[in-house]
Amino acid sequence: MNYLGSTLPAIAMLAAFALIAGGTALLRRGGNRRQGVLMLVMAVVLIGNVVIATI
């Protein structure tokens, strides 16, 4: 795997962790519930994409 091929999944996983943290914070704080759920769904999709790309 080249440099870009190993860097992009790492960046995607960092983004997924940030989405999980932001989504749970929105849900706990009582903010926009729909946006919090969508952030969690986006994190799951992003993690799935990384898993598929690394297989």
C-alpha atoms as a PDB file:
ATOM      1  CA  MET A   1       0.000   0.000   0.000  1.00  0.00           C
ATOM      2  CA  ASN A   2       1.336   3.396  -0.876  1.00  0.00           C
ATOM      3  CA  TYR A   3       1.522   6.407   1.418  1.00  0.00           C
ATOM      4  CA  LEU A   4      -1.862   7.823   0.413  1.00  0.00           C
ATOM      5  CA  GLY A   5      -3.518   4.427   0.646  1.00  0.00           C
ATOM      6  CA  SER A   6      -2.473   4.031   4.252  1.00  0.00           C
ATOM      7  CA  THR A   7      -3.138   7.634   5.276  1.00  0.00           C
ATOM      8  CA  LEU A   8      -6.715   8.017   4.053  1.00  0.00           C
ATOM      9  CA  PRO A   9      -8.196   5.194   6.169  1.00  0.00           C
ATOM     10  CA  ALA A  10      -6.500   6.652   9.237  1.00  0.00           C
ATOM     11  CA  ILE A  11      -8.002  10.074   8.555  1.00  0.00           C
ATOM     12  CA  ALA A  12     -11.398   8.466   7.960  1.00  0.00           C
ATOM     13  CA  MET A  13     -11.225   6.670  11.301  1.00  0.00           C
ATOM     14  CA  LEU A  14     -10.326   9.901  13.091  1.00  0.00           C
ATOM     15  CA  ALA A  15     -13.328  11.535  11.452  1.00  0.00           C
ATOM     16  CA  ALA A  16     -15.524   8.614  12.528  1.00  0.00           C
ATOM     17  CA  PHE A  17     -14.396   8.985  16.141  1.00  0.00           C
ATOM     18  CA  ALA A  18     -15.113  12.715  15.983  1.00  0.00           C
ATOM     19  CA  LEU A  19     -18.575  11.995  14.566  1.00  0.00           C
ATOM     20  CA  ILE A  20     -19.288   9.512  17.350  1.00  0.00           C
ATOM     21  CA  ALA A  21     -18.206  12.009  19.993  1.00  0.00           C
ATOM     22  CA  GLY A  22     -20.212  14.828  18.436  1.00  0.00           C
ATOM     23  CA  GLY A  23     -23.294  12.702  17.896  1.00  0.00           C
ATOM     24  CA  THR A  24     -23.367  11.412  21.453  1.00  0.00           C
ATOM     25  CA  ALA A  25     -22.765  14.918  22.800  1.00  0.00           C
ATOM     26  CA  LEU A  26     -25.722  16.246  20.809  1.00  0.00           C
ATOM     27  CA  LEU A  27     -27.976  13.452  22.023  1.00  0.00           C
ATOM     28  CA  ARG A  28     -26.955  13.868  25.672  1.00  0.00           C
ATOM     29  CA  ARG A  29     -27.200  17.640  25.625  1.00  0.00           C
ATOM     30  CA  GLY A  30     -30.675  17.533  24.148  1.00  0.00           C
ATOM     31  CA  GLY A  31     -29.678  19.408  21.017  1.00  0.00           C
ATOM     32  CA  ASN A  32     -30.900  18.612  17.555  1.00  0.00           C
ATOM     33  CA  ARG A  33     -31.780  14.912  17.914  1.00  0.00           C
ATOM     34  CA  ARG A  34     -31.985  14.230  14.172  1.00  0.00           C
ATOM     35  CA  GLN A  35     -28.535  15.695  13.572  1.00  0.00           C
ATOM     36  CA  GLY A  36     -27.038  13.611  16.386  1.00  0.00           C
ATOM     37  CA  VAL A  37     -28.509  10.399  15.001  1.00  0.00           C
ATOM     38  CA  LEU A  38     -27.323  11.264  11.495  1.00  0.00           C
ATOM     39  CA  MET A  39     -23.816  11.852  12.807  1.00  0.00           C
ATOM     40  CA  LEU A  40     -23.815   8.392  14.396  1.00  0.00           C
ATOM     41  CA  VAL A  41     -25.129   6.806  11.188  1.00  0.00           C
ATOM     42  CA  MET A  42     -22.430   8.594   9.187  1.00  0.00           C
ATOM     43  CA  ALA A  43     -19.790   7.251  11.572  1.00  0.00           C
ATOM     44  CA  VAL A  44     -21.043   3.686  11.064  1.00  0.00           C
ATOM     45  CA  VAL A  45     -21.014   4.121   7.278  1.00  0.00           C
ATOM     46  CA  LEU A  46     -17.502   5.596   7.380  1.00  0.00           C
ATOM     47  CA  ILE A  47     -16.195   2.730   9.517  1.00  0.00           C
ATOM     48  CA  GLY A  48     -17.841   0.243   7.168  1.00  0.00           C
ATOM     49  CA  ASN A  49     -16.145   1.864   4.198  1.00  0.00           C
ATOM     50  CA  VAL A  50     -12.754   1.650   5.878  1.00  0.00           C
ATOM     51  CA  VAL A  51     -13.312  -2.023   6.724  1.00  0.00           C
ATOM     52  CA  ILE A  52     -14.324  -2.818   3.148  1.00  0.00           C
ATOM     53  CA  ALA A  53     -11.394  -0.876   1.693  1.00  0.00           C
ATOM     54  CA  THR A  54      -8.816  -2.618   3.876  1.00  0.00           C
ATOM     55  CA  ILE A  55      -9.998  -6.181   3.146  1.00  0.00           C
END
